[in-house]
């Protein structure tokens, strides 16, 4: 009878959009039982380090290769564009620009279903199946001989690739402590840069094929076969959650869960909670990250689908455009690793690092708008625009580290990636075919996008800083700092799927 009353009270609280007190098994985190086994027992630091090393060696390489392949595959039209893609598929006018935008319409369409399915089904298996599916789509692209066919192909590719980014943000929260996430996230995110390096070299090699199929087809056949095979590997070897990881012993699984319990966010909960949905919609962070994502991705077309075409307008040949993209990729790799190291070494430096990377991009945007007759200055500016990845990658850690409650984390991530899609839909349309080869509208859009993104980072920092200070003042009224009991209560609430707004022991990482 008492249990029924607690359940009814929890349901009523949910109806009123007030955080309910967990009363049912479904309210508790999926790894709650393992957490309770370790509860109140100190973890051996050396054992925790061994578990972390195992996770890094088994999980991180799977994320890294997948991220490289998803970038290669969605950018495949960039590498194929100088080898006759437009002619082979009968593209005219703005249709090439629409191929880039249509991909993100598919990405946008899949955001809510992807978030729901990632919460509902095993993360590793679900992502693996989608990798296999997009490999099939890439390898069949040469069969498209008109705009309608390749547009449908790109839309479906966007649908399947939509799972990767939100899925990987959840993976970060499942496996890593908040302080460990920035370096691990940029470690897989910097594979975008390696994709640019390998893609440029492979594109250069394909340019020397003079027999058989048209050159542009080889880009898709090679990229697609690799992704198809990798989808099988990922499905087999990627564990879904720490409590079922095949490479950990029973004791190591307990340690893995206890490690992430300290994030005060729990591990995973299958139950969709309406009050967390509404709380996400009312949370200023959700909308700040949404606007940041739009502003960040409008300039992205210059770093993905249009890079080869831009370099051609600078006077480089088709073959030269392939390897001239490599320095920009190197900038991306180095800047991401450095920013990840700084953010892990000094946890409350994330917003400062994001601001620095964004400010550099604003300067590069100003160079592209203001300097018309110096191709080398413009080329260096295009390379340094790769610093934009610093801001976006660390904004993902704002979801994995600073949003608690599994439903709320999923919804916030979905909003961020809706913004990501909107920006990437708008970006290619700023490259207006009638403005070629100067594309003034595109470069102005790049400058505006970077400027808005920089301002939003400052607003996000000030909001989170003010919340932290207010909570610290509340604690100071009762004592100088949180007591051990209050610390344990904050962690317990995280394992009960309580959000960061309702968990007053939660502090934002700045």
Protein backbone atom coordinates (compact mmCIF):
# COMPACT_ATOMS: atom_id res chain seq x y z
CA UNK A 1 0.00 0.00 0.00
CA UNK A 2 2.84 2.38 0.87
CA UNK A 3 4.53 1.54 -2.44
CA UNK A 4 1.32 2.35 -4.30
CA UNK A 5 1.15 5.74 -2.57
CA UNK A 6 4.74 6.51 -3.49
CA UNK A 7 4.06 5.57 -7.11
CA UNK A 8 0.93 7.73 -7.19
CA UNK A 9 2.85 10.63 -5.66
CA UNK A 10 5.58 10.24 -8.26
CA UNK A 11 3.07 10.13 -11.09
CA UNK A 12 1.32 13.20 -9.79
CA UNK A 13 4.60 15.06 -9.57
CA UNK A 14 5.37 14.07 -13.17
CA UNK A 15 1.97 15.40 -14.29
CA UNK A 16 2.76 18.71 -12.59
CA UNK A 17 6.19 18.83 -14.25
CA UNK A 18 7.87 18.60 -10.86
CA UNK A 19 10.82 16.26 -10.51
CA UNK A 20 9.34 13.06 -9.06
CA UNK A 21 10.99 11.08 -6.32
CA UNK A 22 11.93 7.70 -7.82
CA UNK A 23 9.61 5.03 -6.51
CA UNK A 24 9.69 2.43 -9.24
CA UNK A 25 12.45 0.36 -10.75
CA UNK A 26 11.87 2.15 -14.06
CA UNK A 27 12.70 5.47 -12.36
CA UNK A 28 16.14 4.23 -11.39
CA UNK A 29 19.24 4.20 -13.54
CA UNK A 30 19.93 1.07 -15.57
CA UNK A 31 23.17 0.55 -13.66
CA UNK A 32 21.68 1.40 -10.23
CA UNK A 33 22.09 -2.10 -8.77
CA UNK A 34 25.79 -2.19 -9.67
CA UNK A 35 26.17 1.29 -8.19
CA UNK A 36 24.62 0.16 -4.89
CA UNK A 37 27.06 -2.75 -4.69
CA UNK A 38 29.91 -0.25 -4.55
CA UNK A 39 28.02 2.43 -2.60
CA UNK A 40 29.96 3.76 0.38
CA UNK A 41 33.02 1.71 -0.55
CA UNK A 42 36.09 3.63 -1.72
CA UNK A 43 37.42 2.63 -5.14
CA UNK A 44 41.08 1.72 -5.36
CA UNK A 45 42.58 4.53 -7.51
CA UNK A 46 44.90 2.08 -9.27
CA UNK A 47 41.99 -0.20 -10.13
CA UNK A 48 40.03 2.80 -11.45
CA UNK A 49 42.99 3.73 -13.67
CA UNK A 50 43.19 0.17 -15.03
CA UNK A 51 39.49 0.24 -15.85
CA UNK A 52 39.89 3.62 -17.57
CA UNK A 53 42.78 2.28 -19.66
CA UNK A 54 40.66 -0.69 -20.71
CA UNK A 55 37.81 1.60 -21.72
CA UNK A 56 40.16 3.85 -23.68
CA UNK A 57 41.68 0.90 -25.54
CA UNK A 58 38.36 -0.81 -26.38
CA UNK A 59 35.80 1.98 -26.78
CA UNK A 60 37.72 5.02 -28.02
CA UNK A 61 39.23 3.41 -31.18
CA UNK A 62 35.74 2.31 -32.26
CA UNK A 63 34.48 5.88 -31.90
CA UNK A 64 37.50 7.32 -33.70
CA UNK A 65 37.25 5.16 -36.81
CA UNK A 66 33.47 5.62 -37.00
CA UNK A 67 33.76 9.39 -36.76
CA UNK A 68 36.37 9.49 -39.51
CA UNK A 69 34.19 7.36 -41.80
CA UNK A 70 31.01 9.39 -41.21
CA UNK A 71 32.87 12.58 -42.14
CA UNK A 72 34.44 11.00 -45.22
CA UNK A 73 31.11 9.65 -46.37
CA UNK A 74 29.08 12.81 -45.95
CA UNK A 75 31.91 14.80 -47.60
CA UNK A 76 32.29 12.35 -50.47
CA UNK A 77 30.55 14.76 -52.85
CA UNK A 78 33.29 17.31 -52.06
CA UNK A 79 36.03 14.94 -53.24
CA UNK A 80 33.97 13.82 -56.24
CA UNK A 81 32.94 17.36 -57.27
CA UNK A 82 36.14 18.07 -59.23
CA UNK A 83 36.06 14.67 -60.97
CA UNK A 84 32.81 15.03 -62.91
CA UNK A 85 30.10 14.38 -60.30
CA UNK A 86 27.93 17.23 -61.58
CA UNK A 87 28.21 16.11 -65.20
CA UNK A 88 27.73 12.42 -64.37
CA UNK A 89 24.52 13.07 -62.43
CA UNK A 90 23.24 15.91 -64.62
CA UNK A 91 23.42 18.62 -61.92
CA UNK A 92 22.82 22.24 -62.94
CA UNK A 93 22.58 25.61 -61.16
CA UNK A 94 22.07 25.34 -57.39
CA UNK A 95 21.47 21.57 -57.47
CA UNK A 96 24.95 20.75 -56.12
CA UNK A 97 24.32 23.16 -53.21
CA UNK A 98 21.02 21.41 -52.57
CA UNK A 99 22.78 18.03 -52.30
CA UNK A 100 24.60 19.38 -49.24
CA UNK A 101 21.43 20.87 -47.76
CA UNK A 102 19.29 17.79 -48.46
CA UNK A 103 21.68 15.63 -46.44
CA UNK A 104 20.90 17.79 -43.41
CA UNK A 105 17.15 17.71 -44.08
CA UNK A 106 17.49 13.94 -43.59
CA UNK A 107 19.64 14.56 -40.50
CA UNK A 108 17.01 16.93 -39.13
CA UNK A 109 14.14 14.54 -39.89
CA UNK A 110 15.87 11.77 -37.95
CA UNK A 111 16.76 13.74 -34.79
CA UNK A 112 13.70 12.90 -32.70
CA UNK A 113 13.48 9.23 -33.82
CA UNK A 114 17.24 8.84 -33.28
CA UNK A 115 17.04 10.26 -29.74
CA UNK A 116 14.08 8.04 -28.87
CA UNK A 117 15.67 4.89 -30.30
CA UNK A 118 19.03 5.59 -28.65
CA UNK A 119 17.25 5.76 -25.29
CA UNK A 120 15.09 2.73 -26.01
CA UNK A 121 17.58 0.27 -27.55
CA UNK A 122 21.21 -0.81 -26.95
CA UNK A 123 23.40 2.10 -28.06
CA UNK A 124 26.26 0.04 -29.53
CA UNK A 125 24.08 -2.27 -31.62
CA UNK A 126 21.88 0.55 -32.89
CA UNK A 127 24.82 2.71 -34.02
CA UNK A 128 26.50 -0.31 -35.65
CA UNK A 129 23.42 -1.11 -37.72
CA UNK A 130 23.17 2.50 -38.94
CA UNK A 131 26.86 2.45 -40.01
CA UNK A 132 26.16 -0.61 -42.13
CA UNK A 133 23.10 1.08 -43.66
CA UNK A 134 24.93 4.26 -44.63
CA UNK A 135 27.72 2.14 -46.14
CA UNK A 136 25.09 0.57 -48.42
CA UNK A 137 23.86 4.04 -49.42
CA UNK A 138 27.35 5.34 -50.24
CA UNK A 139 28.34 2.31 -52.30
CA UNK A 140 25.13 2.59 -54.36
CA UNK A 141 25.55 6.33 -55.09
CA UNK A 142 27.14 5.68 -58.54
CA UNK A 143 23.83 4.12 -59.59
CA UNK A 144 22.21 7.59 -59.33
CA UNK A 145 22.17 9.28 -62.73
CA UNK A 146 19.98 12.33 -62.05
CA UNK A 147 19.31 14.95 -59.38
CA UNK A 148 16.22 13.17 -57.99
CA UNK A 149 18.10 9.92 -57.47
CA UNK A 150 21.19 11.37 -55.80
CA UNK A 151 19.03 13.77 -53.73
CA UNK A 152 17.05 10.81 -52.34
CA UNK A 153 20.32 9.02 -51.64
CA UNK A 154 21.71 12.03 -49.75
CA UNK A 155 18.51 12.44 -47.72
CA UNK A 156 18.66 8.81 -46.56
CA UNK A 157 22.38 9.16 -45.84
CA UNK A 158 21.52 12.08 -43.54
CA UNK A 159 18.88 9.95 -41.80
CA UNK A 160 21.38 7.17 -41.03
CA UNK A 161 24.32 9.41 -40.06
CA UNK A 162 22.05 11.41 -37.72
CA UNK A 163 22.57 8.74 -35.05
CA UNK A 164 26.34 9.20 -34.69
CA UNK A 165 26.73 12.63 -33.04
CA UNK A 166 23.94 12.37 -30.44
CA UNK A 167 24.84 8.72 -29.90
CA UNK A 168 28.48 9.54 -29.20
CA UNK A 169 27.53 12.33 -26.78
CA UNK A 170 25.57 9.73 -24.81
CA UNK A 171 28.50 7.29 -25.04
CA UNK A 172 30.76 9.92 -23.45
CA UNK A 173 28.36 10.24 -20.50
CA UNK A 174 28.05 6.44 -20.20
CA UNK A 175 31.76 5.73 -19.95
CA UNK A 176 33.66 8.81 -18.76
CA UNK A 177 33.81 11.19 -15.81
CA UNK A 178 33.10 14.82 -16.59
CA UNK A 179 36.77 15.78 -16.28
CA UNK A 180 37.75 13.03 -18.74
CA UNK A 181 35.21 13.86 -21.42
CA UNK A 182 36.76 16.85 -23.24
CA UNK A 183 39.99 15.08 -24.18
CA UNK A 184 38.17 11.88 -25.22
CA UNK A 185 35.55 13.80 -27.19
CA UNK A 186 38.11 15.81 -29.16
CA UNK A 187 40.14 12.64 -29.66
CA UNK A 188 37.36 11.15 -31.75
CA UNK A 189 36.24 14.53 -33.13
CA UNK A 190 39.71 15.27 -34.50
CA UNK A 191 39.24 12.29 -36.80
CA UNK A 192 37.36 14.78 -39.01
CA UNK A 193 40.81 16.23 -39.65
CA UNK A 194 42.29 12.83 -40.43
CA UNK A 195 39.35 12.23 -42.74
CA UNK A 196 40.37 15.38 -44.60
CA UNK A 197 43.97 14.14 -44.81
CA UNK A 198 43.09 10.63 -45.98
CA UNK A 199 40.30 11.91 -48.22
CA UNK A 200 42.64 14.41 -49.86
CA UNK A 201 45.32 11.78 -50.47
CA UNK A 202 42.78 9.25 -51.71
CA UNK A 203 41.16 11.89 -53.92
CA UNK A 204 44.57 12.72 -55.36
CA UNK A 205 45.21 9.02 -56.07
CA UNK A 206 41.78 8.61 -57.69
CA UNK A 207 42.65 11.54 -59.95
CA UNK A 208 45.33 9.36 -61.55
CA UNK A 209 42.88 6.59 -62.52
CA UNK A 210 42.45 6.94 -66.27
CA UNK A 211 40.53 3.79 -67.20
CA UNK A 212 37.38 1.89 -66.20
CA UNK A 213 34.55 3.80 -64.52
CA UNK A 214 34.33 7.61 -64.34
CA UNK A 215 36.64 8.90 -61.62
CA UNK A 216 33.89 10.31 -59.39
CA UNK A 217 32.34 6.86 -58.99
CA UNK A 218 35.48 5.42 -57.39
CA UNK A 219 35.16 7.86 -54.48
CA UNK A 220 31.80 6.35 -53.47
CA UNK A 221 32.70 2.73 -54.20
CA UNK A 222 35.85 2.87 -52.04
CA UNK A 223 34.36 4.89 -49.18
CA UNK A 224 31.16 2.80 -49.14
CA UNK A 225 32.86 -0.59 -49.00
CA UNK A 226 34.98 0.47 -46.03
CA UNK A 227 31.95 1.76 -44.08
CA UNK A 228 29.93 -1.36 -44.87
CA UNK A 229 32.64 -3.57 -43.40
CA UNK A 230 33.18 -1.31 -40.41
CA UNK A 231 29.48 -1.43 -39.52
CA UNK A 232 29.81 -5.17 -38.90
CA UNK A 233 32.95 -4.70 -36.77
CA UNK A 234 31.35 -1.94 -34.67
CA UNK A 235 28.18 -3.96 -34.03
CA UNK A 236 30.21 -6.92 -32.78
CA UNK A 237 32.71 -5.11 -30.57
CA UNK A 238 31.00 -1.97 -29.23
CA UNK A 239 29.57 -2.59 -25.73
CA UNK A 240 26.24 -0.95 -24.91
CA UNK A 241 26.79 0.13 -21.28
CA UNK A 242 29.53 -0.41 -18.64
CA UNK A 243 27.45 -2.90 -16.64
CA UNK A 244 27.42 -5.37 -19.59
CA UNK A 245 30.85 -4.63 -21.12
CA UNK A 246 32.40 -7.81 -22.52
CA UNK A 247 35.98 -6.70 -21.77
CA UNK A 248 35.42 -5.97 -18.05
CA UNK A 249 35.23 -8.43 -15.15
CA UNK A 250 32.30 -8.26 -12.71
CA UNK A 251 34.31 -6.15 -10.26
CA UNK A 252 35.59 -3.89 -13.04
CA UNK A 253 32.00 -3.27 -14.19
CA UNK A 254 31.11 -2.10 -10.68
CA UNK A 255 34.11 0.24 -10.74
CA UNK A 256 33.18 1.54 -14.21
CA UNK A 257 29.67 2.41 -13.02
CA UNK A 258 30.88 4.00 -9.79
CA UNK A 259 33.33 6.16 -11.73
CA UNK A 260 30.59 7.80 -13.82
CA UNK A 261 28.17 7.96 -10.88
CA UNK A 262 30.39 10.78 -9.58
CA UNK A 263 29.13 12.88 -12.54
CA UNK A 264 25.79 13.08 -10.66
CA UNK A 265 24.04 12.23 -13.92
CA UNK A 266 23.55 8.47 -13.70
CA UNK A 267 24.38 6.11 -16.58
CA UNK A 268 21.23 5.30 -18.60
CA UNK A 269 17.48 5.17 -18.07
CA UNK A 270 15.07 3.69 -20.63
CA UNK A 271 11.98 5.53 -19.35
CA UNK A 272 10.98 8.71 -21.19
CA UNK A 273 9.99 11.37 -18.63
CA UNK A 274 7.72 14.18 -19.75
CA UNK A 275 8.71 16.56 -17.00
CA UNK A 276 12.32 16.39 -18.21
CA UNK A 277 11.17 17.21 -21.75
CA UNK A 278 9.38 20.33 -20.54
CA UNK A 279 12.28 21.29 -18.32
CA UNK A 280 14.66 21.07 -21.30
CA UNK A 281 12.36 23.38 -23.28
CA UNK A 282 12.41 25.94 -20.44
CA UNK A 283 16.16 25.68 -19.82
CA UNK A 284 18.14 28.67 -21.24
CA UNK A 285 21.09 26.35 -21.98
CA UNK A 286 18.99 24.44 -24.52
CA UNK A 287 18.29 27.55 -26.58
CA UNK A 288 21.79 28.98 -26.22
CA UNK A 289 23.29 25.73 -27.53
CA UNK A 290 20.67 25.66 -30.30
CA UNK A 291 21.61 29.15 -31.53
CA UNK A 292 25.32 28.36 -31.17
CA UNK A 293 24.91 25.27 -33.34
CA UNK A 294 23.12 27.18 -36.12
CA UNK A 295 25.73 29.94 -36.12
CA UNK A 296 28.61 27.44 -36.05
CA UNK A 297 27.38 25.36 -38.96
CA UNK A 298 26.43 28.09 -41.45
CA UNK A 299 30.16 28.52 -42.26
CA UNK A 300 30.66 24.74 -42.33
CA UNK A 301 29.93 24.42 -46.07
CA UNK A 302 33.25 26.15 -46.75
CA UNK A 303 34.96 23.40 -44.72
CA UNK A 304 33.12 20.44 -46.24
CA UNK A 305 31.11 20.34 -49.47
CA UNK A 306 32.60 23.43 -51.13
CA UNK A 307 36.28 23.23 -50.17
CA UNK A 308 37.45 21.83 -53.51
CA UNK A 309 35.34 24.35 -55.44
CA UNK A 310 36.64 27.27 -53.32
CA UNK A 311 40.23 26.22 -53.93
CA UNK A 312 39.55 26.06 -57.67
CA UNK A 313 38.37 29.70 -57.51
CA UNK A 314 41.76 30.52 -55.94
CA UNK A 315 43.41 29.26 -59.13
CA UNK A 316 44.42 25.70 -58.15
CA UNK A 317 43.96 22.73 -60.49
CA UNK A 318 41.59 19.81 -59.77
CA UNK A 319 44.46 17.65 -58.50
CA UNK A 320 45.96 20.49 -56.44
CA UNK A 321 42.64 21.12 -54.68
CA UNK A 322 42.84 17.63 -53.19
CA UNK A 323 46.15 17.97 -51.35
CA UNK A 324 45.73 21.70 -50.65
CA UNK A 325 42.96 20.74 -48.21
CA UNK A 326 45.38 18.80 -46.02
CA UNK A 327 46.90 21.77 -44.07
CA UNK A 328 43.42 22.80 -42.91
CA UNK A 329 42.86 19.25 -41.67
CA UNK A 330 46.16 19.37 -39.78
CA UNK A 331 45.08 22.65 -38.13
CA UNK A 332 41.88 20.93 -37.06
CA UNK A 333 43.66 17.90 -35.61
CA UNK A 334 46.24 19.89 -33.62
CA UNK A 335 43.77 22.52 -32.35
CA UNK A 336 41.31 19.87 -31.17
CA UNK A 337 43.94 17.88 -29.29
CA UNK A 338 45.37 21.01 -27.66
CA UNK A 339 41.91 22.30 -26.67
CA UNK A 340 40.96 18.89 -25.29
CA UNK A 341 44.15 18.73 -23.22
CA UNK A 342 43.64 22.25 -21.84
CA UNK A 343 39.99 21.55 -20.98
CA UNK A 344 40.89 18.31 -19.20
CA UNK A 345 43.87 19.80 -17.40
CA UNK A 346 41.87 22.83 -16.22
CA UNK A 347 38.19 21.71 -16.23
CA UNK A 348 36.68 25.20 -15.93
CA UNK A 349 38.50 26.50 -19.01
CA UNK A 350 36.07 25.06 -21.57
CA UNK A 351 34.19 28.27 -22.34
CA UNK A 352 37.45 30.24 -22.46
CA UNK A 353 38.92 27.80 -24.99
CA UNK A 354 35.72 27.91 -27.04
CA UNK A 355 35.85 31.72 -27.02
CA UNK A 356 39.49 31.78 -28.20
CA UNK A 357 38.82 29.34 -31.07
CA UNK A 358 35.70 31.25 -32.15
CA UNK A 359 37.48 34.64 -32.01
CA UNK A 360 40.21 33.30 -34.33
CA UNK A 361 37.47 32.22 -36.77
CA UNK A 362 35.91 35.71 -36.66
CA UNK A 363 39.28 37.16 -37.72
CA UNK A 364 39.55 34.61 -40.56
CA UNK A 365 36.02 35.48 -41.68
CA UNK A 366 36.97 39.15 -41.76
CA UNK A 367 40.01 38.32 -43.95
CA UNK A 368 37.81 36.39 -46.42
CA UNK A 369 35.37 39.30 -46.65
CA UNK A 370 37.94 42.13 -46.70
CA UNK A 371 40.83 40.77 -48.78
CA UNK A 372 39.98 40.06 -52.42
CA UNK A 373 43.25 39.95 -54.35
CA UNK A 374 45.66 37.89 -52.22
CA UNK A 375 44.90 34.20 -52.72
CA UNK A 376 47.49 33.03 -50.20
CA UNK A 377 46.04 35.19 -47.41
CA UNK A 378 42.59 33.85 -48.27
CA UNK A 379 43.93 30.29 -48.42
CA UNK A 380 45.50 30.57 -44.95
CA UNK A 381 42.21 32.01 -43.65
CA UNK A 382 40.32 28.98 -45.06
CA UNK A 383 42.82 26.66 -43.36
CA UNK A 384 42.51 28.47 -40.02
CA UNK A 385 38.71 28.37 -40.21
CA UNK A 386 39.20 24.73 -39.19
CA UNK A 387 39.56 26.13 -35.66
CA UNK A 388 35.75 26.25 -35.66
CA UNK A 389 35.81 22.59 -34.63
CA UNK A 390 37.19 23.60 -31.22
CA UNK A 391 34.05 25.53 -30.33
CA UNK A 392 31.58 22.97 -31.63
CA UNK A 393 33.28 19.93 -30.12
CA UNK A 394 33.43 21.53 -26.67
CA UNK A 395 29.78 22.57 -26.99
CA UNK A 396 29.02 18.85 -27.17
CA UNK A 397 30.68 18.39 -23.77
CA UNK A 398 28.23 20.97 -22.43
CA UNK A 399 25.52 18.38 -23.09
CA UNK A 400 27.45 15.35 -21.83
CA UNK A 401 28.84 17.10 -18.72
CA UNK A 402 26.30 19.80 -17.85
CA UNK A 403 22.92 18.20 -18.50
CA UNK A 404 21.58 15.48 -16.17
CA UNK A 405 18.48 13.33 -16.45
CA UNK A 406 18.65 10.89 -19.35
CA UNK A 407 15.52 12.15 -21.09
CA UNK A 408 16.63 15.75 -20.68
CA UNK A 409 20.13 14.97 -21.98
CA UNK A 410 18.61 13.25 -25.02
CA UNK A 411 16.23 16.15 -25.72
CA UNK A 412 18.93 18.80 -25.26
CA UNK A 413 21.27 16.89 -27.55
CA UNK A 414 18.49 16.61 -30.12
CA UNK A 415 17.93 20.38 -29.99
CA UNK A 416 21.63 21.04 -30.45
CA UNK A 417 21.71 18.80 -33.50
CA UNK A 418 18.53 20.33 -34.90
CA UNK A 419 20.47 23.61 -34.83
CA UNK A 420 23.40 21.80 -36.40
CA UNK A 421 21.11 20.69 -39.24
CA UNK A 422 19.54 24.12 -39.73
CA UNK A 423 22.98 25.74 -40.01
CA UNK A 424 24.18 23.13 -42.46
CA UNK A 425 21.01 23.52 -44.55
CA UNK A 426 21.47 27.29 -44.75
CA UNK A 427 25.25 27.25 -45.35
CA UNK A 428 25.38 25.68 -48.83
CA UNK A 429 22.65 28.05 -50.05
CA UNK A 430 24.94 31.02 -49.36
CA UNK A 431 27.15 29.72 -52.20
CA UNK A 432 24.98 31.17 -54.98
CA UNK A 433 25.97 29.84 -58.42
CA UNK A 434 25.41 33.23 -60.09
CA UNK A 435 27.97 34.80 -57.70
CA UNK A 436 30.76 32.43 -58.73
CA UNK A 437 33.71 32.62 -58.48
CA UNK A 438 33.79 35.35 -55.78
CA UNK A 439 30.82 34.09 -53.66
CA UNK A 440 30.51 37.31 -51.58
CA UNK A 441 27.30 36.20 -49.82
CA UNK A 442 28.99 33.02 -48.58
CA UNK A 443 31.94 34.85 -47.02
CA UNK A 444 29.68 37.43 -45.33
CA UNK A 445 27.58 34.58 -43.92
CA UNK A 446 30.76 32.95 -42.58
CA UNK A 447 31.73 36.14 -40.74
CA UNK A 448 28.24 36.64 -39.28
CA UNK A 449 27.96 33.00 -38.17
CA UNK A 450 31.28 33.05 -36.33
CA UNK A 451 30.44 36.38 -34.66
CA UNK A 452 27.08 35.17 -33.30
CA UNK A 453 28.64 31.94 -32.10
CA UNK A 454 31.30 33.88 -30.16
CA UNK A 455 28.72 36.08 -28.41
CA UNK A 456 26.62 33.02 -27.43
CA UNK A 457 29.62 31.38 -25.74
CA UNK A 458 29.91 34.43 -23.46
CA UNK A 459 26.19 34.28 -22.63
CA UNK A 460 26.38 30.54 -21.86
CA UNK A 461 29.35 31.07 -19.54
CA UNK A 462 27.67 33.91 -17.65
CA UNK A 463 24.47 31.88 -17.16
CA UNK A 464 26.22 28.76 -15.80
CA UNK A 465 28.61 30.82 -13.67
CA UNK A 466 25.69 32.70 -12.06
CA UNK A 467 23.85 29.43 -11.26
CA UNK A 468 26.99 27.94 -9.68
CA UNK A 469 27.51 31.06 -7.57
CA UNK A 470 23.88 31.07 -6.40
CA UNK A 471 24.13 27.41 -5.30
CA UNK A 472 27.44 28.05 -3.57
CA UNK A 473 25.82 30.89 -1.62
CA UNK A 474 23.04 28.54 -0.49
CA UNK A 475 25.62 26.03 0.76
CA UNK A 476 27.58 28.81 2.50
CA UNK A 477 24.54 29.69 4.62
CA UNK A 478 24.72 26.25 6.26
CA UNK A 479 28.48 25.73 6.10
CA UNK A 480 31.61 26.56 4.16
CA UNK A 481 31.26 23.65 1.73
CA UNK A 482 29.15 20.59 0.91
CA UNK A 483 29.36 17.89 3.58
CA UNK A 484 30.22 14.28 2.62
CA UNK A 485 26.55 13.39 3.21
CA UNK A 486 25.43 16.10 0.79
CA UNK A 487 27.98 14.91 -1.79
CA UNK A 488 26.62 11.35 -1.52
CA UNK A 489 23.06 12.64 -1.78
CA UNK A 490 23.93 14.55 -4.98
CA UNK A 491 25.43 11.40 -6.51
CA UNK A 492 22.44 9.32 -5.39
CA UNK A 493 20.09 11.77 -7.09
CA UNK A 494 22.09 11.44 -10.29
CA UNK A 495 21.63 7.65 -10.17
CA UNK A 496 17.91 8.26 -9.66
CA UNK A 497 17.82 10.19 -12.96
CA UNK A 498 17.29 13.61 -11.35
CA UNK A 499 18.13 16.59 -13.59
CA UNK A 500 20.89 19.11 -12.93
CA UNK A 501 18.29 21.80 -12.20
CA UNK A 502 16.52 19.69 -9.53
CA UNK A 503 19.78 18.34 -8.07
CA UNK A 504 21.05 21.28 -6.02
CA UNK A 505 24.35 19.49 -5.43
CA UNK A 506 25.13 19.69 -9.15
CA UNK A 507 27.71 22.25 -10.39
CA UNK A 508 28.27 23.24 -14.02
CA UNK A 509 31.67 22.70 -15.56
CA UNK A 510 32.66 26.04 -17.08
